[in-house]
Amino acid sequence: MISCQPEKPKAKTNPQLDKQEILQTIENWNTGWDSKDVELAIKDYSDEIDWTNAFGDRMTSKEELRALLEEIFAMEFVMTGKQNYIENEVEFIKDDIALVRSRNLRKNQEWSDGSQMGDRNINHLRVFQKLNGEWKIINHMISQAQEKK
């Protein structure tokens, strides 16, 4: 069968530039956390998301995530911890879809009673989609690896 509709030209990709843009979104998240800047932390999320943290809290929109982070950023005992991203693995599944696996060794966080928490190995799995020329996070799952005995 012959179609009369011309094929859409494929958008040109630059994997190195795309990787830099994606890594900048992770830096925005980290800087937002460090400065308690909710807007910077969520800047690179799509309006509709699937976000789950290590405690099982699940958000399905940028607005829900904004509200949760406002609560979290107000908790001094949580915000005492410092981020230390050890690695970010970027894998392009398609020209407009990327997976990023990150490991964060969070140090010096406190429990709500003020006692010191042990170092936390936190893993992030983010799914990015290039929407209107920008890489947006559409899915983000956070998990914590417990120390093995």
N, C-alpha and C. Protein backbone atom coordinates (compact mmCIF):
# COMPACT_ATOMS: atom_id res chain seq x y z
N MET A 1 0.84 -1.17 0.00
CA MET A 1 0.00 0.00 0.00
C MET A 1 0.89 1.24 0.00
N ILE A 2 0.57 2.20 -0.81
CA ILE A 2 1.34 3.44 -0.93
C ILE A 2 0.60 4.53 -0.17
N SER A 3 1.36 5.28 0.62
CA SER A 3 0.77 6.37 1.40
C SER A 3 1.09 7.69 0.73
N CYS A 4 0.17 8.62 0.81
CA CYS A 4 0.38 9.95 0.26
C CYS A 4 0.99 10.89 1.29
N GLN A 5 1.04 10.44 2.53
CA GLN A 5 1.59 11.30 3.57
C GLN A 5 3.09 11.10 3.65
N PRO A 6 3.83 12.21 3.59
CA PRO A 6 5.28 12.07 3.69
C PRO A 6 5.68 11.64 5.10
N GLU A 7 6.78 10.90 5.18
CA GLU A 7 7.30 10.51 6.49
C GLU A 7 7.81 11.73 7.22
N LYS A 8 7.54 11.77 8.52
CA LYS A 8 8.07 12.87 9.32
C LYS A 8 9.58 12.73 9.39
N PRO A 9 10.29 13.84 9.20
CA PRO A 9 11.74 13.73 9.33
C PRO A 9 12.11 13.42 10.78
N LYS A 10 13.05 12.53 10.95
CA LYS A 10 13.50 12.14 12.28
C LYS A 10 14.32 13.27 12.89
N ALA A 11 14.03 13.58 14.14
CA ALA A 11 14.79 14.63 14.82
C ALA A 11 16.23 14.17 14.96
N LYS A 12 17.15 15.10 14.71
CA LYS A 12 18.56 14.77 14.85
C LYS A 12 18.89 14.66 16.33
N THR A 13 19.70 13.68 16.64
CA THR A 13 20.08 13.49 18.03
C THR A 13 21.58 13.71 18.18
N ASN A 14 21.94 14.12 19.37
CA ASN A 14 23.34 14.28 19.74
C ASN A 14 23.48 13.63 21.10
N PRO A 15 23.82 12.34 21.15
CA PRO A 15 23.84 11.61 22.42
C PRO A 15 24.69 12.28 23.50
N GLN A 16 25.82 12.86 23.13
CA GLN A 16 26.67 13.50 24.13
C GLN A 16 25.99 14.72 24.73
N LEU A 17 25.37 15.54 23.89
CA LEU A 17 24.65 16.73 24.37
C LEU A 17 23.42 16.30 25.19
N ASP A 18 22.71 15.28 24.70
CA ASP A 18 21.55 14.77 25.43
C ASP A 18 21.97 14.29 26.82
N LYS A 19 23.09 13.57 26.89
CA LYS A 19 23.58 13.07 28.18
C LYS A 19 23.90 14.24 29.11
N GLN A 20 24.53 15.27 28.60
CA GLN A 20 24.84 16.44 29.42
C GLN A 20 23.57 17.10 29.95
N GLU A 21 22.55 17.22 29.09
CA GLU A 21 21.28 17.82 29.50
C GLU A 21 20.62 16.97 30.59
N ILE A 22 20.65 15.67 30.43
CA ILE A 22 20.05 14.77 31.41
C ILE A 22 20.79 14.87 32.74
N LEU A 23 22.12 14.85 32.69
CA LEU A 23 22.90 14.96 33.93
C LEU A 23 22.66 16.29 34.63
N GLN A 24 22.38 17.34 33.86
CA GLN A 24 22.07 18.64 34.46
C GLN A 24 20.76 18.58 35.24
N THR A 25 19.79 17.78 34.76
CA THR A 25 18.53 17.67 35.49
C THR A 25 18.76 17.03 36.86
N ILE A 26 19.70 16.08 36.93
CA ILE A 26 20.02 15.44 38.21
C ILE A 26 20.72 16.44 39.12
N GLU A 27 21.57 17.26 38.54
CA GLU A 27 22.23 18.31 39.32
C GLU A 27 21.19 19.32 39.83
N ASN A 28 20.19 19.64 39.02
CA ASN A 28 19.11 20.54 39.47
C ASN A 28 18.39 19.94 40.68
N TRP A 29 18.10 18.63 40.61
CA TRP A 29 17.46 17.93 41.73
C TRP A 29 18.32 18.06 42.99
N ASN A 30 19.62 17.77 42.84
CA ASN A 30 20.53 17.81 43.99
C ASN A 30 20.66 19.22 44.57
N THR A 31 20.83 20.19 43.71
CA THR A 31 20.96 21.58 44.17
C THR A 31 19.66 22.03 44.83
N GLY A 32 18.53 21.61 44.27
CA GLY A 32 17.24 21.93 44.88
C GLY A 32 17.14 21.36 46.29
N TRP A 33 17.58 20.10 46.44
CA TRP A 33 17.57 19.48 47.78
C TRP A 33 18.48 20.25 48.72
N ASP A 34 19.72 20.50 48.27
CA ASP A 34 20.70 21.15 49.15
C ASP A 34 20.26 22.54 49.59
N SER A 35 19.56 23.25 48.71
CA SER A 35 19.13 24.62 49.03
C SER A 35 17.66 24.71 49.46
N LYS A 36 17.00 23.56 49.57
CA LYS A 36 15.57 23.49 49.92
C LYS A 36 14.71 24.29 48.92
N ASP A 37 15.10 24.24 47.66
CA ASP A 37 14.41 24.96 46.59
C ASP A 37 13.53 23.96 45.84
N VAL A 38 12.27 23.89 46.23
CA VAL A 38 11.34 22.92 45.65
C VAL A 38 11.21 23.11 44.14
N GLU A 39 11.11 24.35 43.70
CA GLU A 39 10.91 24.61 42.27
C GLU A 39 12.09 24.11 41.43
N LEU A 40 13.31 24.29 41.93
CA LEU A 40 14.47 23.79 41.21
C LEU A 40 14.49 22.26 41.23
N ALA A 41 14.13 21.66 42.37
CA ALA A 41 14.14 20.20 42.48
C ALA A 41 13.17 19.55 41.50
N ILE A 42 12.02 20.18 41.24
CA ILE A 42 11.01 19.57 40.36
C ILE A 42 11.01 20.15 38.95
N LYS A 43 11.89 21.08 38.69
CA LYS A 43 11.93 21.79 37.40
C LYS A 43 11.90 20.87 36.19
N ASP A 44 12.58 19.76 36.26
CA ASP A 44 12.76 18.91 35.09
C ASP A 44 11.81 17.72 35.02
N TYR A 45 10.75 17.75 35.82
CA TYR A 45 9.74 16.70 35.79
C TYR A 45 8.62 17.08 34.82
N SER A 46 8.07 16.07 34.19
CA SER A 46 6.87 16.25 33.39
C SER A 46 5.71 16.58 34.33
N ASP A 47 4.65 17.16 33.81
CA ASP A 47 3.48 17.46 34.66
C ASP A 47 2.84 16.19 35.19
N GLU A 48 2.81 15.15 34.38
CA GLU A 48 2.30 13.84 34.81
C GLU A 48 3.49 12.93 34.99
N ILE A 49 3.63 12.37 36.20
CA ILE A 49 4.79 11.55 36.52
C ILE A 49 4.35 10.30 37.28
N ASP A 50 5.29 9.42 37.45
CA ASP A 50 5.12 8.29 38.35
C ASP A 50 6.38 8.32 39.21
N TRP A 51 6.25 8.79 40.44
CA TRP A 51 7.39 9.02 41.35
C TRP A 51 7.13 8.27 42.64
N THR A 52 8.08 7.43 43.05
CA THR A 52 7.95 6.68 44.30
C THR A 52 9.26 6.76 45.05
N ASN A 53 9.18 7.11 46.33
CA ASN A 53 10.41 7.19 47.12
C ASN A 53 10.67 5.88 47.86
N ALA A 54 11.77 5.86 48.60
CA ALA A 54 12.21 4.65 49.31
C ALA A 54 11.25 4.23 50.42
N PHE A 55 10.34 5.12 50.80
CA PHE A 55 9.38 4.81 51.87
C PHE A 55 8.01 4.42 51.31
N GLY A 56 7.93 4.33 49.97
CA GLY A 56 6.69 3.90 49.33
C GLY A 56 5.71 5.01 49.03
N ASP A 57 6.08 6.26 49.28
CA ASP A 57 5.19 7.38 48.92
C ASP A 57 5.18 7.51 47.40
N ARG A 58 3.99 7.52 46.83
CA ARG A 58 3.86 7.59 45.37
C ARG A 58 3.10 8.84 44.96
N MET A 59 3.68 9.57 44.01
CA MET A 59 3.08 10.77 43.47
C MET A 59 2.86 10.56 41.97
N THR A 60 1.75 11.09 41.45
CA THR A 60 1.46 10.91 40.03
C THR A 60 1.36 12.24 39.27
N SER A 61 1.76 13.32 39.92
CA SER A 61 1.79 14.61 39.22
C SER A 61 2.87 15.48 39.84
N LYS A 62 3.30 16.43 39.07
CA LYS A 62 4.30 17.39 39.54
C LYS A 62 3.75 18.18 40.73
N GLU A 63 2.47 18.46 40.72
CA GLU A 63 1.84 19.19 41.83
C GLU A 63 1.90 18.39 43.13
N GLU A 64 1.61 17.09 43.05
CA GLU A 64 1.70 16.24 44.25
C GLU A 64 3.14 16.17 44.75
N LEU A 65 4.09 16.07 43.84
CA LEU A 65 5.49 16.02 44.23
C LEU A 65 5.90 17.34 44.89
N ARG A 66 5.44 18.45 44.34
CA ARG A 66 5.74 19.76 44.93
C ARG A 66 5.26 19.80 46.38
N ALA A 67 4.04 19.37 46.63
CA ALA A 67 3.47 19.41 47.99
C ALA A 67 4.28 18.51 48.93
N LEU A 68 4.65 17.32 48.48
CA LEU A 68 5.43 16.41 49.32
C LEU A 68 6.80 17.01 49.64
N LEU A 69 7.48 17.55 48.64
CA LEU A 69 8.80 18.12 48.89
C LEU A 69 8.73 19.34 49.81
N GLU A 70 7.67 20.11 49.72
CA GLU A 70 7.51 21.23 50.66
C GLU A 70 7.47 20.72 52.10
N GLU A 71 6.78 19.61 52.32
CA GLU A 71 6.74 19.00 53.65
C GLU A 71 8.12 18.48 54.06
N ILE A 72 8.76 17.74 53.15
CA ILE A 72 10.06 17.14 53.45
C ILE A 72 11.11 18.22 53.72
N PHE A 73 11.14 19.25 52.91
CA PHE A 73 12.15 20.30 53.07
C PHE A 73 11.97 21.07 54.37
N ALA A 74 10.81 20.99 54.97
CA ALA A 74 10.56 21.66 56.25
C ALA A 74 11.01 20.81 57.44
N MET A 75 11.41 19.56 57.19
CA MET A 75 11.85 18.66 58.26
C MET A 75 13.37 18.78 58.43
N GLU A 76 13.80 19.50 59.44
CA GLU A 76 15.23 19.73 59.64
C GLU A 76 16.02 18.43 59.76
N PHE A 77 15.47 17.44 60.47
CA PHE A 77 16.22 16.20 60.66
C PHE A 77 16.48 15.47 59.34
N VAL A 78 15.59 15.63 58.36
CA VAL A 78 15.80 15.03 57.06
C VAL A 78 16.86 15.82 56.28
N MET A 79 16.77 17.12 56.38
CA MET A 79 17.61 17.98 55.57
C MET A 79 19.05 18.10 56.07
N THR A 80 19.37 17.47 57.21
CA THR A 80 20.75 17.50 57.68
C THR A 80 21.66 16.62 56.81
N GLY A 81 21.08 15.66 56.12
CA GLY A 81 21.87 14.75 55.30
C GLY A 81 22.47 15.44 54.09
N LYS A 82 23.59 14.91 53.63
CA LYS A 82 24.28 15.46 52.46
C LYS A 82 24.31 14.42 51.34
N GLN A 83 24.02 14.89 50.13
CA GLN A 83 24.03 14.05 48.94
C GLN A 83 25.47 13.79 48.50
N ASN A 84 25.72 12.63 47.97
CA ASN A 84 27.02 12.30 47.40
C ASN A 84 26.77 11.31 46.27
N TYR A 85 26.50 11.84 45.08
CA TYR A 85 26.23 10.96 43.94
C TYR A 85 27.53 10.33 43.47
N ILE A 86 27.56 9.01 43.51
CA ILE A 86 28.75 8.26 43.17
C ILE A 86 28.78 7.94 41.68
N GLU A 87 27.63 7.66 41.12
CA GLU A 87 27.59 7.31 39.70
C GLU A 87 26.22 7.63 39.11
N ASN A 88 26.23 7.92 37.82
CA ASN A 88 25.02 8.10 37.03
C ASN A 88 25.25 7.37 35.72
N GLU A 89 24.48 6.31 35.50
CA GLU A 89 24.57 5.55 34.24
C GLU A 89 23.42 5.97 33.35
N VAL A 90 23.74 6.51 32.18
CA VAL A 90 22.72 6.95 31.23
C VAL A 90 22.67 5.95 30.09
N GLU A 91 21.46 5.45 29.81
CA GLU A 91 21.26 4.50 28.72
C GLU A 91 20.11 4.99 27.85
N PHE A 92 20.39 5.20 26.56
CA PHE A 92 19.35 5.64 25.65
C PHE A 92 18.63 4.42 25.09
N ILE A 93 17.34 4.30 25.40
CA ILE A 93 16.52 3.20 24.93
C ILE A 93 16.04 3.48 23.50
N LYS A 94 15.68 4.72 23.27
CA LYS A 94 15.29 5.23 21.95
C LYS A 94 15.86 6.65 21.88
N ASP A 95 15.72 7.29 20.75
CA ASP A 95 16.24 8.66 20.62
C ASP A 95 15.59 9.62 21.61
N ASP A 96 14.36 9.32 22.01
CA ASP A 96 13.64 10.24 22.91
C ASP A 96 13.33 9.63 24.28
N ILE A 97 13.93 8.48 24.60
CA ILE A 97 13.72 7.84 25.90
C ILE A 97 15.08 7.43 26.46
N ALA A 98 15.31 7.78 27.72
CA ALA A 98 16.56 7.41 28.38
C ALA A 98 16.27 6.90 29.79
N LEU A 99 17.06 5.94 30.22
CA LEU A 99 17.04 5.45 31.60
C LEU A 99 18.30 5.94 32.28
N VAL A 100 18.16 6.38 33.52
CA VAL A 100 19.33 6.79 34.28
C VAL A 100 19.28 6.10 35.64
N ARG A 101 20.33 5.35 35.91
CA ARG A 101 20.49 4.70 37.21
C ARG A 101 21.55 5.48 37.97
N SER A 102 21.20 5.92 39.18
CA SER A 102 22.12 6.71 39.99
C SER A 102 22.26 6.08 41.36
N ARG A 103 23.43 6.27 41.95
CA ARG A 103 23.64 5.83 43.33
C ARG A 103 24.10 7.02 44.13
N ASN A 104 23.44 7.22 45.25
CA ASN A 104 23.71 8.34 46.14
C ASN A 104 24.06 7.78 47.51
N LEU A 105 25.22 8.12 48.01
CA LEU A 105 25.61 7.76 49.37
C LEU A 105 25.29 8.96 50.25
N ARG A 106 24.14 8.89 50.93
CA ARG A 106 23.68 10.01 51.76
C ARG A 106 24.27 9.86 53.15
N LYS A 107 24.95 10.91 53.60
CA LYS A 107 25.65 10.89 54.89
C LYS A 107 25.07 11.94 55.83
N ASN A 108 25.22 11.68 57.12
CA ASN A 108 24.92 12.65 58.19
C ASN A 108 23.45 12.99 58.34
N GLN A 109 22.55 12.16 57.85
CA GLN A 109 21.14 12.42 58.10
C GLN A 109 20.81 12.00 59.53
N GLU A 110 19.81 12.62 60.09
CA GLU A 110 19.39 12.32 61.45
C GLU A 110 18.01 11.68 61.46
N TRP A 111 17.74 10.95 62.54
CA TRP A 111 16.39 10.47 62.81
C TRP A 111 15.61 11.63 63.42
N SER A 112 14.31 11.48 63.53
CA SER A 112 13.47 12.56 64.07
C SER A 112 13.82 12.92 65.51
N ASP A 113 14.46 11.99 66.27
CA ASP A 113 14.86 12.29 67.65
C ASP A 113 16.23 12.97 67.73
N GLY A 114 16.84 13.24 66.56
CA GLY A 114 18.13 13.93 66.52
C GLY A 114 19.33 13.00 66.52
N SER A 115 19.11 11.69 66.69
CA SER A 115 20.24 10.76 66.65
C SER A 115 20.72 10.57 65.21
N GLN A 116 21.98 10.20 65.08
CA GLN A 116 22.61 10.06 63.77
C GLN A 116 22.18 8.77 63.07
N MET A 117 21.83 8.89 61.82
CA MET A 117 21.51 7.74 60.98
C MET A 117 22.82 7.25 60.37
N GLY A 118 22.91 5.96 60.07
CA GLY A 118 24.06 5.46 59.34
C GLY A 118 24.02 5.95 57.90
N ASP A 119 25.13 5.81 57.21
CA ASP A 119 25.15 6.18 55.80
C ASP A 119 24.08 5.40 55.05
N ARG A 120 23.44 6.04 54.09
CA ARG A 120 22.35 5.42 53.34
C ARG A 120 22.75 5.29 51.87
N ASN A 121 22.71 4.07 51.35
CA ASN A 121 22.92 3.82 49.92
C ASN A 121 21.57 3.93 49.23
N ILE A 122 21.39 5.00 48.50
CA ILE A 122 20.10 5.26 47.87
C ILE A 122 20.27 5.14 46.35
N ASN A 123 19.40 4.34 45.75
CA ASN A 123 19.42 4.14 44.31
C ASN A 123 18.23 4.86 43.68
N HIS A 124 18.50 5.47 42.54
CA HIS A 124 17.46 6.17 41.78
C HIS A 124 17.39 5.54 40.40
N LEU A 125 16.19 5.31 39.93
CA LEU A 125 15.96 4.90 38.55
C LEU A 125 15.01 5.93 37.96
N ARG A 126 15.52 6.67 36.99
CA ARG A 126 14.71 7.71 36.34
C ARG A 126 14.50 7.35 34.88
N VAL A 127 13.29 7.59 34.40
CA VAL A 127 12.98 7.46 32.99
C VAL A 127 12.76 8.87 32.46
N PHE A 128 13.50 9.20 31.42
CA PHE A 128 13.39 10.51 30.78
C PHE A 128 12.75 10.36 29.42
N GLN A 129 11.97 11.38 29.06
CA GLN A 129 11.43 11.45 27.71
C GLN A 129 11.70 12.84 27.18
N LYS A 130 12.11 12.91 25.93
CA LYS A 130 12.35 14.21 25.30
C LYS A 130 11.00 14.71 24.80
N LEU A 131 10.51 15.76 25.43
CA LEU A 131 9.21 16.35 25.12
C LEU A 131 9.43 17.79 24.67
N ASN A 132 8.97 18.12 23.47
CA ASN A 132 9.13 19.47 22.94
C ASN A 132 10.58 19.94 23.03
N GLY A 133 11.51 19.03 22.74
CA GLY A 133 12.92 19.39 22.71
C GLY A 133 13.62 19.42 24.05
N GLU A 134 12.92 19.08 25.14
CA GLU A 134 13.52 19.09 26.47
C GLU A 134 13.40 17.72 27.11
N TRP A 135 14.44 17.31 27.83
CA TRP A 135 14.41 16.05 28.56
C TRP A 135 13.64 16.26 29.86
N LYS A 136 12.57 15.49 30.03
CA LYS A 136 11.73 15.57 31.22
C LYS A 136 11.69 14.21 31.91
N ILE A 137 11.66 14.23 33.21
CA ILE A 137 11.55 12.99 33.98
C ILE A 137 10.08 12.61 34.02
N ILE A 138 9.79 11.39 33.55
CA ILE A 138 8.40 10.93 33.56
C ILE A 138 8.18 9.84 34.60
N ASN A 139 9.27 9.23 35.07
CA ASN A 139 9.17 8.18 36.06
C ASN A 139 10.44 8.22 36.91
N HIS A 140 10.26 8.13 38.23
CA HIS A 140 11.42 8.19 39.14
C HIS A 140 11.11 7.28 40.32
N MET A 141 11.93 6.25 40.48
CA MET A 141 11.78 5.35 41.61
C MET A 141 13.05 5.41 42.44
N ILE A 142 12.87 5.59 43.74
CA ILE A 142 13.97 5.69 44.68
C ILE A 142 13.90 4.48 45.61
N SER A 143 15.03 3.83 45.81
CA SER A 143 15.08 2.70 46.72
C SER A 143 16.32 2.82 47.58
N GLN A 144 16.26 2.18 48.73
CA GLN A 144 17.40 2.22 49.64
C GLN A 144 17.90 0.81 49.87
N ALA A 145 19.19 0.61 49.64
CA ALA A 145 19.80 -0.68 49.88
C ALA A 145 20.17 -0.77 51.37
N GLN A 146 19.66 -1.79 52.02
CA GLN A 146 19.96 -1.99 53.43
C GLN A 146 21.28 -2.75 53.57
N GLU A 147 22.02 -2.46 54.62
CA GLU A 147 23.27 -3.17 54.89
C GLU A 147 23.00 -4.64 55.13
N LYS A 148 23.77 -5.49 54.48
CA LYS A 148 23.60 -6.93 54.63
C LYS A 148 24.37 -7.40 55.86
N LYS A 149 23.79 -8.30 56.61
CA LYS A 149 24.44 -8.80 57.83
C LYS A 149 25.14 -10.11 57.57
